[in-house]
């Protein structure tokens, strides 16, 4: 079970089509063609659009809070949707 975190603060539980998420599925959920993983201390992975700040995306406060807990740089933020997965949910 993964969580799709939208910029408006909403969260939606999503499941992979098969046993694990494929890259294509993550691209679809994040509406992008290049993703970046952020490894959280609790073992989960936050997937974001690597080019999110270059697009007309809004800041994602919930995902940004997770970035800060993972030791992100001061002032950095996540733009666009984010997908929070467990390590065993990806190919």
Protein backbone atom coordinates (compact mmCIF):
# COMPACT_ATOMS: atom_id res chain seq x y z
CA UNK A 1 0.00 0.00 0.00
CA UNK A 2 1.50 3.32 -1.10
CA UNK A 3 0.28 6.84 -0.50
CA UNK A 4 -0.06 9.43 -3.25
CA UNK A 5 0.41 12.89 -1.72
CA UNK A 6 -1.04 15.72 -3.82
CA UNK A 7 -0.11 19.40 -3.59
CA UNK A 8 -3.53 20.30 -2.16
CA UNK A 9 -2.76 18.16 0.90
CA UNK A 10 -4.94 15.23 -0.06
CA UNK A 11 -3.63 11.70 0.32
CA UNK A 12 -4.84 8.66 -1.55
CA UNK A 13 -3.92 5.03 -0.94
CA UNK A 14 -2.80 3.40 -4.18
CA UNK A 15 -1.80 -0.13 -5.06
CA UNK A 16 0.50 -1.44 -7.80
CA UNK A 17 -1.07 -3.21 -10.76
CA UNK A 18 1.06 -6.27 -9.98
CA UNK A 19 3.06 -7.18 -6.88
CA UNK A 20 5.29 -4.08 -7.12
CA UNK A 21 5.17 -0.64 -8.72
CA UNK A 22 6.81 -0.35 -12.12
CA UNK A 23 8.53 2.83 -13.25
CA UNK A 24 5.73 3.43 -15.73
CA UNK A 25 3.16 3.31 -12.93
CA UNK A 26 5.14 5.79 -10.84
CA UNK A 27 5.52 8.10 -13.86
CA UNK A 28 1.74 7.96 -14.31
CA UNK A 29 0.97 8.76 -10.67
CA UNK A 30 3.51 11.59 -10.55
CA UNK A 31 2.66 12.85 -14.05
CA UNK A 32 6.32 13.01 -15.04
CA UNK A 33 9.04 11.26 -17.02
CA UNK A 34 11.92 11.45 -14.52
CA UNK A 35 11.62 10.46 -10.87
CA UNK A 36 13.87 10.88 -7.89
CA UNK A 37 13.84 8.74 -4.74
CA UNK A 38 14.22 10.23 -1.29
CA UNK A 39 15.12 7.57 1.26
CA UNK A 40 13.49 8.13 4.62
CA UNK A 41 14.99 6.98 7.91
CA UNK A 42 12.09 4.62 8.58
CA UNK A 43 12.88 2.61 5.41
CA UNK A 44 10.18 4.08 3.20
CA UNK A 45 10.91 5.87 -0.07
CA UNK A 46 9.37 9.15 -1.20
CA UNK A 47 9.27 9.35 -5.00
CA UNK A 48 9.07 12.79 -6.59
CA UNK A 49 9.23 14.42 -10.01
CA UNK A 50 12.92 15.23 -10.40
CA UNK A 51 12.02 18.20 -12.57
CA UNK A 52 9.05 19.33 -10.48
CA UNK A 53 10.46 22.77 -9.69
CA UNK A 54 10.99 23.45 -13.41
CA UNK A 55 7.31 22.86 -14.15
CA UNK A 56 4.27 24.89 -13.13
CA UNK A 57 3.74 22.70 -10.04
CA UNK A 58 2.75 24.00 -6.64
CA UNK A 59 4.78 23.26 -3.54
CA UNK A 60 3.73 20.09 -1.73
CA UNK A 61 3.80 20.91 2.03
CA UNK A 62 3.19 17.33 3.25
CA UNK A 63 5.92 15.88 1.04
CA UNK A 64 8.24 18.76 1.94
CA UNK A 65 7.79 17.91 5.64
CA UNK A 66 8.93 14.34 4.89
CA UNK A 67 11.92 15.73 2.97
CA UNK A 68 12.92 17.81 5.99
CA UNK A 69 12.63 14.80 8.31
CA UNK A 70 14.96 12.95 5.92
CA UNK A 71 17.59 15.66 6.33
CA UNK A 72 16.80 17.76 3.27
CA UNK A 73 18.59 21.04 2.77
CA UNK A 74 17.20 24.08 4.56
CA UNK A 75 14.84 25.96 2.25
CA UNK A 76 14.46 23.05 -0.17
CA UNK A 77 10.97 21.92 -1.08
CA UNK A 78 9.08 19.42 -3.21
CA UNK A 79 6.96 20.65 -6.09
CA UNK A 80 4.20 18.46 -7.47
CA UNK A 81 2.78 15.17 -6.28
CA UNK A 82 4.79 12.58 -4.35
CA UNK A 83 4.43 8.83 -3.95
CA UNK A 84 5.34 7.28 -0.60
CA UNK A 85 6.19 3.57 -0.82
CA UNK A 86 7.70 0.84 1.26
CA UNK A 87 10.99 -0.50 -0.09
CA UNK A 88 9.39 -3.84 -1.03
CA UNK A 89 6.72 -2.17 -3.19
CA UNK A 90 9.05 -1.26 -6.06
CA UNK A 91 10.69 -3.33 -8.78
